């Protein structure tokens, strides 16, 4: 019984301090860190200020600034800025949280 409690505690601590995963949908192709992602469903993993977006074919890593909003976002939204015929990913608002991931902003920890 004691061994089970220790195993459960280790799992909870690892989940609390490890990467968090979310799902995002790109309605149109978007450029992230120089890589163009096709429209579709992606898995987003966030570990501190390191973010990874991936699907079965493509994986892109990027550094983001994590900002905290006053209220939780109802749904996950992706904001892009159109430039030279391409849409560059600017921010992702994570649904169910008050976290916003901003691309291209200087990190607050640097």
PDB file of N, CA and C in Angstrom:
ATOM      1  N   UNK A   1       0.821  -1.192   0.000  1.00  0.00           N
ATOM      2  CA  UNK A   1       0.000   0.000   0.000  1.00  0.00           C
ATOM      3  C   UNK A   1       0.870   1.264   0.000  1.00  0.00           C
ATOM      4  N   UNK A   2       1.926   1.251   0.786  1.00  0.00           N
ATOM      5  CA  UNK A   2       2.819   2.402   0.851  1.00  0.00           C
ATOM      6  C   UNK A   2       3.500   2.630  -0.500  1.00  0.00           C
ATOM      7  N   UNK A   3       3.857   1.552  -1.174  1.00  0.00           N
ATOM      8  CA  UNK A   3       4.504   1.636  -2.479  1.00  0.00           C
ATOM      9  C   UNK A   3       3.553   2.274  -3.507  1.00  0.00           C
ATOM     10  N   UNK A   4       2.274   1.927  -3.438  1.00  0.00           N
ATOM     11  CA  UNK A   4       1.280   2.488  -4.332  1.00  0.00           C
ATOM     12  C   UNK A   4       1.131   3.985  -4.098  1.00  0.00           C
ATOM     13  N   UNK A   5       1.136   4.405  -2.847  1.00  0.00           N
ATOM     14  CA  UNK A   5       1.009   5.833  -2.523  1.00  0.00           C
ATOM     15  C   UNK A   5       2.206   6.620  -3.040  1.00  0.00           C
ATOM     16  N   UNK A   6       3.399   6.069  -2.908  1.00  0.00           N
ATOM     17  CA  UNK A   6       4.611   6.741  -3.390  1.00  0.00           C
ATOM     18  C   UNK A   6       4.576   6.833  -4.914  1.00  0.00           C
ATOM     19  N   UNK A   7       4.144   5.779  -5.588  1.00  0.00           N
ATOM     20  CA  UNK A   7       4.051   5.786  -7.049  1.00  0.00           C
ATOM     21  C   UNK A   7       3.046   6.836  -7.512  1.00  0.00           C
ATOM     22  N   UNK A   8       1.915   6.922  -6.852  1.00  0.00           N
ATOM     23  CA  UNK A   8       0.898   7.916  -7.206  1.00  0.00           C
ATOM     24  C   UNK A   8       1.429   9.330  -6.999  1.00  0.00           C
ATOM     25  N   UNK A   9       2.153   9.563  -5.923  1.00  0.00           N
ATOM     26  CA  UNK A   9       2.718  10.879  -5.638  1.00  0.00           C
ATOM     27  C   UNK A   9       3.731  11.276  -6.707  1.00  0.00           C
ATOM     28  N   UNK A  10       4.573  10.349  -7.121  1.00  0.00           N
ATOM     29  CA  UNK A  10       5.564  10.620  -8.160  1.00  0.00           C
ATOM     30  C   UNK A  10       4.858  10.999  -9.466  1.00  0.00           C
ATOM     31  N   UNK A  11       3.788  10.304  -9.797  1.00  0.00           N
ATOM     32  CA  UNK A  11       3.042  10.593 -11.018  1.00  0.00           C
ATOM     33  C   UNK A  11       2.424  11.987 -10.961  1.00  0.00           C
ATOM     34  N   UNK A  12       1.837  12.345  -9.845  1.00  0.00           N
ATOM     35  CA  UNK A  12       1.209  13.657  -9.687  1.00  0.00           C
ATOM     36  C   UNK A  12       2.246  14.770  -9.797  1.00  0.00           C
ATOM     37  N   UNK A  13       3.380  14.605  -9.150  1.00  0.00           N
ATOM     38  CA  UNK A  13       4.442  15.621  -9.209  1.00  0.00           C
ATOM     39  C   UNK A  13       4.968  15.743 -10.636  1.00  0.00           C
ATOM     40  N   UNK A  14       5.179  14.632 -11.323  1.00  0.00           N
ATOM     41  CA  UNK A  14       5.673  14.668 -12.700  1.00  0.00           C
ATOM     42  C   UNK A  14       4.676  15.368 -13.614  1.00  0.00           C
ATOM     43  N   UNK A  15       3.401  15.103 -13.417  1.00  0.00           N
ATOM     44  CA  UNK A  15       2.379  15.750 -14.243  1.00  0.00           C
ATOM     45  C   UNK A  15       2.322  17.245 -13.964  1.00  0.00           C
ATOM     46  N   UNK A  16       2.498  17.632 -12.720  1.00  0.00           N
ATOM     47  CA  UNK A  16       2.414  19.051 -12.363  1.00  0.00           C
ATOM     48  C   UNK A  16       3.578  19.860 -12.914  1.00  0.00           C
ATOM     49  N   UNK A  17       4.765  19.281 -12.975  1.00  0.00           N
ATOM     50  CA  UNK A  17       5.948  20.031 -13.401  1.00  0.00           C
ATOM     51  C   UNK A  17       6.391  19.717 -14.822  1.00  0.00           C
ATOM     52  N   UNK A  18       5.748  18.782 -15.485  1.00  0.00           N
ATOM     53  CA  UNK A  18       6.126  18.418 -16.843  1.00  0.00           C
ATOM     54  C   UNK A  18       5.430  19.289 -17.875  1.00  0.00           C
ATOM     55  N   UNK A  19       5.598  18.914 -19.125  1.00  0.00           N
ATOM     56  CA  UNK A  19       4.982  19.645 -20.220  1.00  0.00           C
ATOM     57  C   UNK A  19       3.468  19.472 -20.186  1.00  0.00           C
ATOM     58  N   UNK A  20       2.762  20.494 -20.625  1.00  0.00           N
ATOM     59  CA  UNK A  20       1.322  20.398 -20.736  1.00  0.00           C
ATOM     60  C   UNK A  20       0.966  20.299 -22.210  1.00  0.00           C
ATOM     61  N   UNK A  21      -0.058  19.508 -22.522  1.00  0.00           N
ATOM     62  CA  UNK A  21      -0.446  19.280 -23.908  1.00  0.00           C
ATOM     63  C   UNK A  21      -1.828  19.862 -24.180  1.00  0.00           C
ATOM     64  N   UNK A  22      -1.981  20.407 -25.373  1.00  0.00           N
ATOM     65  CA  UNK A  22      -3.244  20.981 -25.834  1.00  0.00           C
ATOM     66  C   UNK A  22      -3.424  20.593 -27.291  1.00  0.00           C
ATOM     67  N   UNK A  23      -4.613  20.789 -27.805  1.00  0.00           N
ATOM     68  CA  UNK A  23      -4.907  20.579 -29.219  1.00  0.00           C
ATOM     69  C   UNK A  23      -5.244  21.926 -29.839  1.00  0.00           C
ATOM     70  N   UNK A  24      -4.716  22.170 -31.044  1.00  0.00           N
ATOM     71  CA  UNK A  24      -5.077  23.385 -31.779  1.00  0.00           C
ATOM     72  C   UNK A  24      -5.498  23.001 -33.186  1.00  0.00           C
ATOM     73  N   UNK A  25      -6.293  23.866 -33.793  1.00  0.00           N
ATOM     74  CA  UNK A  25      -6.720  23.680 -35.177  1.00  0.00           C
ATOM     75  C   UNK A  25      -6.309  24.908 -35.973  1.00  0.00           C
ATOM     76  N   UNK A  26      -5.601  24.671 -37.051  1.00  0.00           N
ATOM     77  CA  UNK A  26      -5.250  25.750 -37.970  1.00  0.00           C
ATOM     78  C   UNK A  26      -6.248  25.710 -39.121  1.00  0.00           C
ATOM     79  N   UNK A  27      -7.018  26.786 -39.301  1.00  0.00           N
ATOM     80  CA  UNK A  27      -8.007  26.849 -40.373  1.00  0.00           C
ATOM     81  C   UNK A  27      -7.361  27.094 -41.730  1.00  0.00           C
ATOM     82  N   UNK A  28      -6.142  27.627 -41.715  1.00  0.00           N
ATOM     83  CA  UNK A  28      -5.408  27.912 -42.941  1.00  0.00           C
ATOM     84  C   UNK A  28      -3.931  27.663 -42.659  1.00  0.00           C
ATOM     85  N   UNK A  29      -3.112  27.498 -43.694  1.00  0.00           N
ATOM     86  CA  UNK A  29      -1.675  27.300 -43.458  1.00  0.00           C
ATOM     87  C   UNK A  29      -1.090  28.476 -42.684  1.00  0.00           C
ATOM     88  N   UNK A  30      -0.162  28.177 -41.786  1.00  0.00           N
ATOM     89  CA  UNK A  30       0.474  29.218 -40.979  1.00  0.00           C
ATOM     90  C   UNK A  30       1.952  28.908 -40.814  1.00  0.00           C
ATOM     91  N   UNK A  31       2.757  29.958 -40.733  1.00  0.00           N
ATOM     92  CA  UNK A  31       4.201  29.810 -40.574  1.00  0.00           C
ATOM     93  C   UNK A  31       4.553  29.957 -39.090  1.00  0.00           C
ATOM     94  N   UNK A  32       5.323  28.985 -38.595  1.00  0.00           N
ATOM     95  CA  UNK A  32       5.815  29.004 -37.217  1.00  0.00           C
ATOM     96  C   UNK A  32       7.318  28.777 -37.273  1.00  0.00           C
ATOM     97  N   UNK A  33       8.076  29.736 -36.781  1.00  0.00           N
ATOM     98  CA  UNK A  33       9.533  29.610 -36.717  1.00  0.00           C
ATOM     99  C   UNK A  33      10.137  29.221 -38.070  1.00  0.00           C
ATOM    100  N   UNK A  34       9.596  29.813 -39.150  1.00  0.00           N
ATOM    101  CA  UNK A  34      10.127  29.563 -40.487  1.00  0.00           C
ATOM    102  C   UNK A  34       9.581  28.326 -41.179  1.00  0.00           C
ATOM    103  N   UNK A  35       8.757  27.536 -40.507  1.00  0.00           N
ATOM    104  CA  UNK A  35       8.184  26.326 -41.088  1.00  0.00           C
ATOM    105  C   UNK A  35       6.702  26.533 -41.341  1.00  0.00           C
ATOM    106  N   UNK A  36       6.250  26.230 -42.565  1.00  0.00           N
ATOM    107  CA  UNK A  36       4.834  26.369 -42.871  1.00  0.00           C
ATOM    108  C   UNK A  36       4.085  25.103 -42.467  1.00  0.00           C
ATOM    109  N   UNK A  37       3.065  25.297 -41.645  1.00  0.00           N
ATOM    110  CA  UNK A  37       2.199  24.204 -41.223  1.00  0.00           C
ATOM    111  C   UNK A  37       0.926  24.260 -42.050  1.00  0.00           C
ATOM    112  N   UNK A  38       0.500  23.106 -42.567  1.00  0.00           N
ATOM    113  CA  UNK A  38      -0.729  23.042 -43.337  1.00  0.00           C
ATOM    114  C   UNK A  38      -1.926  23.174 -42.408  1.00  0.00           C
ATOM    115  N   UNK A  39      -3.064  23.542 -42.971  1.00  0.00           N
ATOM    116  CA  UNK A  39      -4.294  23.610 -42.181  1.00  0.00           C
ATOM    117  C   UNK A  39      -4.586  22.215 -41.621  1.00  0.00           C
ATOM    118  N   UNK A  40      -5.079  22.170 -40.386  1.00  0.00           N
ATOM    119  CA  UNK A  40      -5.420  20.883 -39.788  1.00  0.00           C
ATOM    120  C   UNK A  40      -5.261  20.889 -38.284  1.00  0.00           C
ATOM    121  N   UNK A  41      -5.349  19.688 -37.700  1.00  0.00           N
ATOM    122  CA  UNK A  41      -5.261  19.495 -36.257  1.00  0.00           C
ATOM    123  C   UNK A  41      -3.810  19.257 -35.845  1.00  0.00           C
ATOM    124  N   UNK A  42      -3.411  19.870 -34.723  1.00  0.00           N
ATOM    125  CA  UNK A  42      -2.053  19.729 -34.212  1.00  0.00           C
ATOM    126  C   UNK A  42      -2.077  19.546 -32.699  1.00  0.00           C
ATOM    127  N   UNK A  43      -1.055  18.878 -32.205  1.00  0.00           N
ATOM    128  CA  UNK A  43      -0.842  18.752 -30.769  1.00  0.00           C
ATOM    129  C   UNK A  43       0.161  19.825 -30.377  1.00  0.00           C
ATOM    130  N   UNK A  44      -0.130  20.549 -29.316  1.00  0.00           N
ATOM    131  CA  UNK A  44       0.753  21.593 -28.817  1.00  0.00           C
ATOM    132  C   UNK A  44       1.233  21.173 -27.440  1.00  0.00           C
ATOM    133  N   UNK A  45       2.537  21.126 -27.257  1.00  0.00           N
ATOM    134  CA  UNK A  45       3.117  20.825 -25.951  1.00  0.00           C
ATOM    135  C   UNK A  45       3.890  22.043 -25.475  1.00  0.00           C
ATOM    136  N   UNK A  46       3.658  22.408 -24.222  1.00  0.00           N
ATOM    137  CA  UNK A  46       4.303  23.574 -23.649  1.00  0.00           C
ATOM    138  C   UNK A  46       5.089  23.150 -22.424  1.00  0.00           C
ATOM    139  N   UNK A  47       6.371  23.489 -22.421  1.00  0.00           N
ATOM    140  CA  UNK A  47       7.244  23.201 -21.288  1.00  0.00           C
ATOM    141  C   UNK A  47       7.999  24.488 -20.973  1.00  0.00           C
ATOM    142  N   UNK A  48       7.479  25.246 -20.016  1.00  0.00           N
ATOM    143  CA  UNK A  48       8.056  26.559 -19.722  1.00  0.00           C
ATOM    144  C   UNK A  48       7.799  27.479 -20.888  1.00  0.00           C
ATOM    145  N   UNK A  49       8.855  27.981 -21.515  1.00  0.00           N
ATOM    146  CA  UNK A  49       8.713  28.850 -22.679  1.00  0.00           C
ATOM    147  C   UNK A  49       9.043  28.127 -23.980  1.00  0.00           C
ATOM    148  N   UNK A  50       9.233  26.809 -23.904  1.00  0.00           N
ATOM    149  CA  UNK A  50       9.494  26.005 -25.098  1.00  0.00           C
ATOM    150  C   UNK A  50       8.188  25.353 -25.532  1.00  0.00           C
ATOM    151  N   UNK A  51       7.816  25.578 -26.802  1.00  0.00           N
ATOM    152  CA  UNK A  51       6.588  25.038 -27.337  1.00  0.00           C
ATOM    153  C   UNK A  51       6.895  24.154 -28.531  1.00  0.00           C
ATOM    154  N   UNK A  52       6.182  23.034 -28.635  1.00  0.00           N
ATOM    155  CA  UNK A  52       6.304  22.136 -29.774  1.00  0.00           C
ATOM    156  C   UNK A  52       4.915  21.927 -30.359  1.00  0.00           C
ATOM    157  N   UNK A  53       4.793  22.146 -31.664  1.00  0.00           N
ATOM    158  CA  UNK A  53       3.550  21.875 -32.384  1.00  0.00           C
ATOM    159  C   UNK A  53       3.844  20.714 -33.321  1.00  0.00           C
ATOM    160  N   UNK A  54       2.975  19.688 -33.291  1.00  0.00           N
ATOM    161  CA  UNK A  54       3.237  18.528 -34.136  1.00  0.00           C
ATOM    162  C   UNK A  54       1.947  17.848 -34.585  1.00  0.00           C
ATOM    163  N   UNK A  55       2.073  17.144 -35.698  1.00  0.00           N
ATOM    164  CA  UNK A  55       1.067  16.198 -36.152  1.00  0.00           C
ATOM    165  C   UNK A  55       1.839  14.990 -36.657  1.00  0.00           C
ATOM    166  N   UNK A  56       1.231  14.117 -37.401  1.00  0.00           N
ATOM    167  CA  UNK A  56       1.913  12.894 -37.840  1.00  0.00           C
ATOM    168  C   UNK A  56       3.075  13.171 -38.787  1.00  0.00           C
ATOM    169  N   UNK A  57       3.042  14.313 -39.501  1.00  0.00           N
ATOM    170  CA  UNK A  57       4.049  14.586 -40.523  1.00  0.00           C
ATOM    171  C   UNK A  57       5.050  15.668 -40.161  1.00  0.00           C
ATOM    172  N   UNK A  58       4.677  16.614 -39.317  1.00  0.00           N
ATOM    173  CA  UNK A  58       5.501  17.795 -39.081  1.00  0.00           C
ATOM    174  C   UNK A  58       5.634  18.091 -37.599  1.00  0.00           C
ATOM    175  N   UNK A  59       6.840  18.524 -37.201  1.00  0.00           N
ATOM    176  CA  UNK A  59       7.081  18.979 -35.834  1.00  0.00           C
ATOM    177  C   UNK A  59       7.861  20.286 -35.899  1.00  0.00           C
ATOM    178  N   UNK A  60       7.397  21.283 -35.139  1.00  0.00           N
ATOM    179  CA  UNK A  60       8.055  22.585 -35.089  1.00  0.00           C
ATOM    180  C   UNK A  60       8.233  22.991 -33.635  1.00  0.00           C
ATOM    181  N   UNK A  61       9.447  23.415 -33.289  1.00  0.00           N
ATOM    182  CA  UNK A  61       9.738  23.944 -31.954  1.00  0.00           C
ATOM    183  C   UNK A  61       9.846  25.459 -32.044  1.00  0.00           C
ATOM    184  N   UNK A  62       9.405  26.133 -30.998  1.00  0.00           N
ATOM    185  CA  UNK A  62       9.508  27.588 -30.949  1.00  0.00           C
ATOM    186  C   UNK A  62       9.584  28.034 -29.500  1.00  0.00           C
ATOM    187  N   UNK A  63      10.167  29.204 -29.312  1.00  0.00           N
ATOM    188  CA  UNK A  63      10.186  29.829 -27.991  1.00  0.00           C
ATOM    189  C   UNK A  63       9.055  30.850 -27.962  1.00  0.00           C
ATOM    190  N   UNK A  64       8.282  30.826 -26.900  1.00  0.00           N
ATOM    191  CA  UNK A  64       7.153  31.741 -26.764  1.00  0.00           C
ATOM    192  C   UNK A  64       7.226  32.447 -25.422  1.00  0.00           C
ATOM    193  N   UNK A  65       6.564  33.570 -25.347  1.00  0.00           N
ATOM    194  CA  UNK A  65       6.407  34.256 -24.073  1.00  0.00           C
ATOM    195  C   UNK A  65       5.033  33.865 -23.550  1.00  0.00           C
ATOM    196  N   UNK A  66       4.970  33.345 -22.343  1.00  0.00           N
ATOM    197  CA  UNK A  66       3.704  32.941 -21.740  1.00  0.00           C
ATOM    198  C   UNK A  66       3.174  34.115 -20.931  1.00  0.00           C
ATOM    199  N   UNK A  67       2.021  34.626 -21.340  1.00  0.00           N
ATOM    200  CA  UNK A  67       1.389  35.734 -20.627  1.00  0.00           C
ATOM    201  C   UNK A  67       0.133  35.231 -19.930  1.00  0.00           C
ATOM    202  N   UNK A  68      -0.230  35.897 -18.848  1.00  0.00           N
ATOM    203  CA  UNK A  68      -1.411  35.521 -18.080  1.00  0.00           C
ATOM    204  C   UNK A  68      -2.477  36.593 -18.228  1.00  0.00           C
ATOM    205  N   UNK A  69      -3.677  36.168 -18.629  1.00  0.00           N
ATOM    206  CA  UNK A  69      -4.809  37.087 -18.763  1.00  0.00           C
ATOM    207  C   UNK A  69      -5.591  37.105 -17.456  1.00  0.00           C
ATOM    208  N   UNK A  70      -6.467  38.077 -17.310  1.00  0.00           N
ATOM    209  CA  UNK A  70      -7.272  38.193 -16.104  1.00  0.00           C
ATOM    210  C   UNK A  70      -8.326  37.113 -15.991  1.00  0.00           C
ATOM    211  N   UNK A  71      -8.891  36.675 -17.126  1.00  0.00           N
ATOM    212  CA  UNK A  71      -9.936  35.659 -17.146  1.00  0.00           C
ATOM    213  C   UNK A  71      -9.499  34.481 -17.996  1.00  0.00           C
ATOM    214  N   UNK A  72     -10.154  33.329 -17.762  1.00  0.00           N
ATOM    215  CA  UNK A  72      -9.883  32.152 -18.581  1.00  0.00           C
ATOM    216  C   UNK A  72     -10.490  32.336 -19.965  1.00  0.00           C
ATOM    217  N   UNK A  73      -9.828  31.771 -20.964  1.00  0.00           N
ATOM    218  CA  UNK A  73     -10.343  31.795 -22.329  1.00  0.00           C
ATOM    219  C   UNK A  73     -11.340  30.650 -22.495  1.00  0.00           C
ATOM    220  N   UNK A  74     -12.471  30.927 -23.151  1.00  0.00           N
ATOM    221  CA  UNK A  74     -13.504  29.900 -23.343  1.00  0.00           C
ATOM    222  C   UNK A  74     -13.041  28.786 -24.262  1.00  0.00           C
ATOM    223  N   UNK A  75     -12.308  29.146 -25.306  1.00  0.00           N
ATOM    224  CA  UNK A  75     -11.835  28.153 -26.264  1.00  0.00           C
ATOM    225  C   UNK A  75     -10.435  28.527 -26.721  1.00  0.00           C
ATOM    226  N   UNK A  76      -9.775  27.574 -27.329  1.00  0.00           N
ATOM    227  CA  UNK A  76      -8.435  27.825 -27.856  1.00  0.00           C
ATOM    228  C   UNK A  76      -8.562  28.573 -29.177  1.00  0.00           C
ATOM    229  N   UNK A  77      -7.858  29.689 -29.289  1.00  0.00           N
ATOM    230  CA  UNK A  77      -7.875  30.461 -30.525  1.00  0.00           C
ATOM    231  C   UNK A  77      -6.451  30.717 -30.991  1.00  0.00           C
ATOM    232  N   UNK A  78      -6.298  30.763 -32.306  1.00  0.00           N
ATOM    233  CA  UNK A  78      -5.000  30.977 -32.936  1.00  0.00           C
ATOM    234  C   UNK A  78      -5.070  32.278 -33.715  1.00  0.00           C
ATOM    235  N   UNK A  79      -4.130  33.184 -33.477  1.00  0.00           N
ATOM    236  CA  UNK A  79      -4.126  34.484 -34.154  1.00  0.00           C
ATOM    237  C   UNK A  79      -2.927  34.567 -35.092  1.00  0.00           C
ATOM    238  N   UNK A  80      -3.202  34.960 -36.331  1.00  0.00           N
ATOM    239  CA  UNK A  80      -2.140  35.066 -37.344  1.00  0.00           C
ATOM    240  C   UNK A  80      -2.108  36.469 -37.921  1.00  0.00           C
ATOM    241  N   UNK A  81      -0.940  36.830 -38.445  1.00  0.00           N
ATOM    242  CA  UNK A  81      -0.753  38.098 -39.125  1.00  0.00           C
ATOM    243  C   UNK A  81      -0.344  37.787 -40.553  1.00  0.00           C
ATOM    244  N   UNK A  82      -1.113  38.290 -41.528  1.00  0.00           N
ATOM    245  CA  UNK A  82      -0.811  38.041 -42.933  1.00  0.00           C
ATOM    246  C   UNK A  82       0.278  38.961 -43.439  1.00  0.00           C
ATOM    247  N   UNK A  83       1.272  38.378 -44.102  1.00  0.00           N
ATOM    248  CA  UNK A  83       2.385  39.162 -44.623  1.00  0.00           C
ATOM    249  C   UNK A  83       2.982  38.415 -45.812  1.00  0.00           C
ATOM    250  N   UNK A  84       3.123  39.083 -46.954  1.00  0.00           N
ATOM    251  CA  UNK A  84       3.706  38.495 -48.162  1.00  0.00           C
ATOM    252  C   UNK A  84       2.980  37.218 -48.578  1.00  0.00           C
ATOM    253  N   UNK A  85       1.655  37.204 -48.447  1.00  0.00           N
ATOM    254  CA  UNK A  85       0.885  36.033 -48.850  1.00  0.00           C
ATOM    255  C   UNK A  85       0.940  34.877 -47.876  1.00  0.00           C
ATOM    256  N   UNK A  86       1.619  35.031 -46.751  1.00  0.00           N
ATOM    257  CA  UNK A  86       1.731  33.973 -45.734  1.00  0.00           C
ATOM    258  C   UNK A  86       1.115  34.466 -44.438  1.00  0.00           C
ATOM    259  N   UNK A  87       0.614  33.519 -43.650  1.00  0.00           N
ATOM    260  CA  UNK A  87       0.084  33.849 -42.336  1.00  0.00           C
ATOM    261  C   UNK A  87       1.080  33.390 -41.283  1.00  0.00           C
ATOM    262  N   UNK A  88       1.608  34.333 -40.520  1.00  0.00           N
ATOM    263  CA  UNK A  88       2.567  34.026 -39.458  1.00  0.00           C
ATOM    264  C   UNK A  88       1.824  33.936 -38.134  1.00  0.00           C
ATOM    265  N   UNK A  89       2.030  32.840 -37.426  1.00  0.00           N
ATOM    266  CA  UNK A  89       1.386  32.648 -36.135  1.00  0.00           C
ATOM    267  C   UNK A  89       1.912  33.682 -35.155  1.00  0.00           C
ATOM    268  N   UNK A  90       1.024  34.447 -34.524  1.00  0.00           N
ATOM    269  CA  UNK A  90       1.401  35.508 -33.587  1.00  0.00           C
ATOM    270  C   UNK A  90       1.135  35.133 -32.142  1.00  0.00           C
ATOM    271  N   UNK A  91      -0.020  34.472 -31.882  1.00  0.00           N
ATOM    272  CA  UNK A  91      -0.325  34.072 -30.515  1.00  0.00           C
ATOM    273  C   UNK A  91      -1.354  32.954 -30.507  1.00  0.00           C
ATOM    274  N   UNK A  92      -1.346  32.229 -29.402  1.00  0.00           N
ATOM    275  CA  UNK A  92      -2.322  31.171 -29.167  1.00  0.00           C
ATOM    276  C   UNK A  92      -2.893  31.401 -27.778  1.00  0.00           C
ATOM    277  N   UNK A  93      -4.209  31.473 -27.698  1.00  0.00           N
ATOM    278  CA  UNK A  93      -4.898  31.598 -26.409  1.00  0.00           C
ATOM    279  C   UNK A  93      -5.442  30.222 -26.067  1.00  0.00           C
ATOM    280  N   UNK A  94      -5.000  29.675 -24.939  1.00  0.00           N
ATOM    281  CA  UNK A  94      -5.328  28.307 -24.568  1.00  0.00           C
ATOM    282  C   UNK A  94      -6.664  28.234 -23.838  1.00  0.00           C
ATOM    283  N   UNK A  95      -7.640  27.587 -24.463  1.00  0.00           N
ATOM    284  CA  UNK A  95      -8.975  27.446 -23.897  1.00  0.00           C
ATOM    285  C   UNK A  95      -8.955  26.724 -22.561  1.00  0.00           C
ATOM    286  N   UNK A  96      -9.773  27.190 -21.618  1.00  0.00           N
ATOM    287  CA  UNK A  96      -9.847  26.591 -20.290  1.00  0.00           C
ATOM    288  C   UNK A  96      -8.757  27.071 -19.353  1.00  0.00           C
ATOM    289  N   UNK A  97      -7.872  27.941 -19.859  1.00  0.00           N
ATOM    290  CA  UNK A  97      -6.797  28.504 -19.034  1.00  0.00           C
ATOM    291  C   UNK A  97      -6.800  30.018 -19.211  1.00  0.00           C
ATOM    292  N   UNK A  98      -5.945  30.686 -18.466  1.00  0.00           N
ATOM    293  CA  UNK A  98      -5.765  32.122 -18.674  1.00  0.00           C
ATOM    294  C   UNK A  98      -4.402  32.401 -19.306  1.00  0.00           C
ATOM    295  N   UNK A  99      -3.843  31.391 -20.008  1.00  0.00           N
ATOM    296  CA  UNK A  99      -2.526  31.529 -20.625  1.00  0.00           C
ATOM    297  C   UNK A  99      -2.625  31.901 -22.099  1.00  0.00           C
ATOM    298  N   UNK A 100      -1.743  32.832 -22.491  1.00  0.00           N
ATOM    299  CA  UNK A 100      -1.624  33.249 -23.888  1.00  0.00           C
ATOM    300  C   UNK A 100      -0.163  33.070 -24.276  1.00  0.00           C
ATOM    301  N   UNK A 101       0.081  32.400 -25.388  1.00  0.00           N
ATOM    302  CA  UNK A 101       1.437  32.175 -25.889  1.00  0.00           C
ATOM    303  C   UNK A 101       1.702  33.172 -26.996  1.00  0.00           C
ATOM    304  N   UNK A 102       2.728  34.001 -26.827  1.00  0.00           N
ATOM    305  CA  UNK A 102       3.043  35.056 -27.790  1.00  0.00           C
ATOM    306  C   UNK A 102       4.348  34.709 -28.492  1.00  0.00           C
ATOM    307  N   UNK A 103       4.310  34.723 -29.825  1.00  0.00           N
ATOM    308  CA  UNK A 103       5.489  34.420 -30.632  1.00  0.00           C
ATOM    309  C   UNK A 103       6.253  35.692 -30.940  1.00  0.00           C
ATOM    310  N   UNK A 104       7.564  35.605 -31.004  1.00  0.00           N
ATOM    311  CA  UNK A 104       8.387  36.728 -31.415  1.00  0.00           C
ATOM    312  C   UNK A 104       8.584  37.800 -30.367  1.00  0.00           C
ATOM    313  N   UNK A 105       8.034  37.610 -29.173  1.00  0.00           N
ATOM    314  CA  UNK A 105       8.232  38.582 -28.087  1.00  0.00           C
ATOM    315  C   UNK A 105       9.431  38.159 -27.278  1.00  0.00           C
ATOM    316  N   UNK A 106      10.132  39.119 -26.740  1.00  0.00           N
ATOM    317  CA  UNK A 106      11.279  38.792 -25.893  1.00  0.00           C
ATOM    318  C   UNK A 106      10.804  38.121 -24.606  1.00  0.00           C
ATOM    319  N   UNK A 107      11.537  37.126 -24.181  1.00  0.00           N
ATOM    320  CA  UNK A 107      11.204  36.411 -22.955  1.00  0.00           C
ATOM    321  C   UNK A 107      11.393  37.314 -21.743  1.00  0.00           C
ATOM    322  N   UNK A 108      10.502  37.170 -20.769  1.00  0.00           N
ATOM    323  CA  UNK A 108      10.608  37.971 -19.550  1.00  0.00           C
ATOM    324  C   UNK A 108      11.703  37.474 -18.632  1.00  0.00           C
ATOM    325  N   UNK A 109      12.194  36.246 -18.877  1.00  0.00           N
ATOM    326  CA  UNK A 109      13.239  35.699 -18.005  1.00  0.00           C
ATOM    327  C   UNK A 109      14.636  35.990 -18.528  1.00  0.00           C
ATOM    328  N   UNK A 110      14.759  36.632 -19.686  1.00  0.00           N
ATOM    329  CA  UNK A 110      16.092  36.918 -20.253  1.00  0.00           C
ATOM    330  C   UNK A 110      16.576  38.272 -19.816  1.00  0.00           C
TER     331      UNK A 110
END
